[in-house]
C-alpha atoms as a PDB file:
ATOM      1  CA  MET A   1      12.580  61.226 -17.181  1.00  0.00           C
ATOM      2  CA  THR A   2      10.848  58.107 -18.359  1.00  0.00           C
ATOM      3  CA  GLY A   3      13.745  57.263 -20.698  1.00  0.00           C
ATOM      4  CA  ARG A   4      16.189  57.360 -17.811  1.00  0.00           C
ATOM      5  CA  ALA A   5      13.966  55.281 -15.506  1.00  0.00           C
ATOM      6  CA  SER A   6      13.668  52.539 -18.062  1.00  0.00           C
ATOM      7  CA  THR A   7      17.520  52.551 -18.493  1.00  0.00           C
ATOM      8  CA  ASP A   8      18.036  52.204 -14.743  1.00  0.00           C
ATOM      9  CA  GLU A   9      15.437  49.512 -14.657  1.00  0.00           C
ATOM     10  CA  GLN A  10      17.235  47.521 -17.411  1.00  0.00           C
ATOM     11  CA  GLN A  11      20.525  47.732 -15.606  1.00  0.00           C
ATOM     12  CA  THR A  12      19.148  46.400 -12.275  1.00  0.00           C
ATOM     13  CA  ARG A  13      16.942  43.736 -13.820  1.00  0.00           C
ATOM     14  CA  LEU A  14      17.688  40.230 -12.550  1.00  0.00           C
ATOM     15  CA  PRO A  15      18.185  37.398 -15.044  1.00  0.00           C
ATOM     16  CA  ASP A  16      15.072  35.559 -16.148  1.00  0.00           C
ATOM     17  CA  VAL A  17      15.134  32.331 -14.047  1.00  0.00           C
ATOM     18  CA  ARG A  18      12.217  29.969 -14.296  1.00  0.00           C
ATOM     19  CA  VAL A  19      11.464  27.507 -11.476  1.00  0.00           C
ATOM     20  CA  GLY A  20      12.396  23.999 -12.494  1.00  0.00           C
ATOM     21  CA  SER A  21      14.567  24.994 -15.401  1.00  0.00           C
ATOM     22  CA  MET A  22      18.303  24.156 -15.558  1.00  0.00           C
ATOM     23  CA  GLN A  23      21.088  25.343 -17.761  1.00  0.00           C
ATOM     24  CA  ASN A  24      22.494  21.788 -17.991  1.00  0.00           C
ATOM     25  CA  GLY A  25      19.690  19.429 -18.812  1.00  0.00           C
ATOM     26  CA  LEU A  26      21.903  16.388 -18.351  1.00  0.00           C
ATOM     27  CA  ALA A  27      22.758  17.110 -14.677  1.00  0.00           C
ATOM     28  CA  PRO A  28      20.777  15.158 -12.111  1.00  0.00           C
ATOM     29  CA  VAL A  29      18.018  17.132 -10.398  1.00  0.00           C
ATOM     30  CA  SER A  30      18.582  15.745  -6.924  1.00  0.00           C
ATOM     31  CA  ILE A  31      21.705  16.756  -5.052  1.00  0.00           C
ATOM     32  CA  ALA A  32      21.168  14.100  -2.355  1.00  0.00           C
ATOM     33  CA  GLU A  33      23.710  11.306  -2.489  1.00  0.00           C
ATOM     34  CA  ARG A  34      22.988   7.739  -1.415  1.00  0.00           C
ATOM     35  CA  SER A  35      25.075   4.639  -1.285  1.00  0.00           C
ATOM     36  CA  LEU A  36      24.121   2.047  -3.879  1.00  0.00           C
ATOM     37  CA  GLY A  37      26.012  -0.806  -2.167  1.00  0.00           C
ATOM     38  CA  ALA A  38      24.229  -3.388  -0.091  1.00  0.00           C
ATOM     39  CA  GLY A  39      24.362  -3.081   3.676  1.00  0.00           C
ATOM     40  CA  LEU A  40      24.917  -5.862   6.158  1.00  0.00           C
ATOM     41  CA  MET A  41      21.229  -6.665   6.577  1.00  0.00           C
ATOM     42  CA  GLN A  42      20.783  -7.053   2.809  1.00  0.00           C
ATOM     43  CA  TRP A  43      23.732  -9.515   2.659  1.00  0.00           C
ATOM     44  CA  VAL A  44      22.424 -11.482   5.618  1.00  0.00           C
ATOM     45  CA  SER A  45      18.954 -11.620   3.989  1.00  0.00           C
ATOM     46  CA  LEU A  46      20.439 -12.788   0.700  1.00  0.00           C
ATOM     47  CA  ALA A  47      22.407 -15.524   2.502  1.00  0.00           C
ATOM     48  CA  ALA A  48      19.299 -16.668   4.327  1.00  0.00           C
ATOM     49  CA  ILE A  49      17.403 -16.891   1.014  1.00  0.00           C
ATOM     50  CA  VAL A  50      20.234 -18.859  -0.586  1.00  0.00           C
ATOM     51  CA  LEU A  51      20.384 -21.302   2.306  1.00  0.00           C
ATOM     52  CA  ALA A  52      16.602 -21.756   2.214  1.00  0.00           C
ATOM     53  CA  ALA A  53      16.711 -22.439  -1.506  1.00  0.00           C
ATOM     54  CA  LEU A  54      19.507 -24.973  -1.100  1.00  0.00           C
ATOM     55  CA  ALA A  55      17.678 -26.726   1.719  1.00  0.00           C
ATOM     56  CA  ALA A  56      14.439 -26.877  -0.313  1.00  0.00           C
ATOM     57  CA  ASP A  57      16.369 -28.281  -3.267  1.00  0.00           C
ATOM     58  CA  GLN A  58      17.915 -31.000  -1.200  1.00  0.00           C
ATOM     59  CA  LEU A  59      14.624 -31.804   0.478  1.00  0.00           C
ATOM     60  CA  THR A  60      12.890 -32.086  -2.914  1.00  0.00           C
ATOM     61  CA  LYS A  61      15.654 -34.417  -4.172  1.00  0.00           C
ATOM     62  CA  ARG A  62      15.281 -36.574  -1.102  1.00  0.00           C
ATOM     63  CA  VAL A  63      11.478 -36.764  -1.372  1.00  0.00           C
ATOM     64  CA  VAL A  64      11.629 -37.696  -5.091  1.00  0.00           C
ATOM     65  CA  THR A  65      14.291 -40.361  -4.416  1.00  0.00           C
ATOM     66  CA  ILE A  66      12.149 -41.900  -1.650  1.00  0.00           C
ATOM     67  CA  MET A  67       9.016 -41.759  -3.799  1.00  0.00           C
ATOM     68  CA  LEU A  68      10.732 -43.442  -6.744  1.00  0.00           C
ATOM     69  CA  ALA A  69      12.315 -46.128  -4.534  1.00  0.00           C
ATOM     70  CA  ASP A  70       8.881 -47.084  -3.172  1.00  0.00           C
ATOM     71  CA  GLU A  71       7.446 -47.582  -6.649  1.00  0.00           C
ATOM     72  CA  TYR A  72       9.950 -50.233  -7.693  1.00  0.00           C
END
C-alpha cells in the first residue's frame, strides 16, 4: 500500500511556488497604478517658482544698475 499512497500523493501535489518568486522576472512587482503626470497644485507651484525667479532676476538687475550708476 505504500507504493499506491505515494502515487496518489504525487498526483495531488501542488506546484512548488516560492514566496517572492515570479515566472517573468521582467514584470513589475507592484500591480498598483499611479499617474505620473503633474496635477494642478504641482503646476501652480511651478508657476509660482518661475515668477519668483523672474522677479528676483529683475530686482537683481535693477540693484546692479543703480549701484553702478552711483559709482560714476
